[in-house]
Amino acid sequence: MIKLAHAFGKSTGFGVDLIFLSPIFMLILGFGGATYEGPQEM
């Protein structure tokens, strides 16, 4: 989930929130203004 958050340009905190509240934060990614930036190298 953290890698997914980084692929959309979001922070690690957003990724942690995706783990615990995934239905809500998936909706935020899907219907929000986030754009897919591709996989990020760590």
Protein backbone atom coordinates (compact mmCIF):
# COMPACT_ATOMS: atom_id res chain seq x y z
CA MET A 1 0.00 0.00 0.00
CA ILE A 2 2.90 2.34 0.67
CA LYS A 3 4.28 1.70 -2.82
CA LEU A 4 0.81 2.35 -4.24
CA ALA A 5 0.65 5.68 -2.39
CA HIS A 6 4.08 6.66 -3.74
CA ALA A 7 2.99 5.72 -7.28
CA PHE A 8 0.24 8.33 -6.98
CA GLY A 9 2.58 10.96 -5.52
CA LYS A 10 1.28 10.60 -1.98
CA SER A 11 3.28 10.37 1.24
CA THR A 12 4.17 7.37 3.37
CA GLY A 13 1.54 8.50 5.88
CA PHE A 14 -1.10 8.18 3.19
CA GLY A 15 0.16 4.65 2.56
CA VAL A 16 -0.21 3.77 6.23
CA ASP A 17 -3.74 5.14 6.13
CA LEU A 18 -4.38 2.93 3.09
CA ILE A 19 -3.44 -0.09 5.21
CA PHE A 20 -5.89 0.68 8.02
CA LEU A 21 -8.71 2.46 6.19
CA SER A 22 -8.31 1.10 2.68
CA PRO A 23 -11.92 1.49 1.40
CA ILE A 24 -11.97 5.20 2.24
CA PHE A 25 -8.51 5.99 0.95
CA MET A 26 -9.02 3.96 -2.24
CA LEU A 27 -12.00 6.21 -2.96
CA ILE A 28 -9.80 9.24 -2.35
CA LEU A 29 -7.27 7.93 -4.88
CA GLY A 30 -9.96 6.99 -7.38
CA PHE A 31 -12.10 10.09 -7.29
CA GLY A 32 -9.60 12.69 -6.05
CA GLY A 33 -7.17 14.71 -8.07
CA ALA A 34 -4.29 12.25 -7.75
CA THR A 35 -2.61 11.19 -10.97
CA TYR A 36 -0.65 8.01 -11.53
CA GLU A 37 3.07 8.77 -11.77
CA GLY A 38 4.29 5.20 -12.11
CA PRO A 39 6.40 3.09 -9.78
CA GLN A 40 8.91 4.98 -7.68
CA GLU A 41 12.44 3.73 -7.08
CA MET A 42 13.29 3.51 -3.42
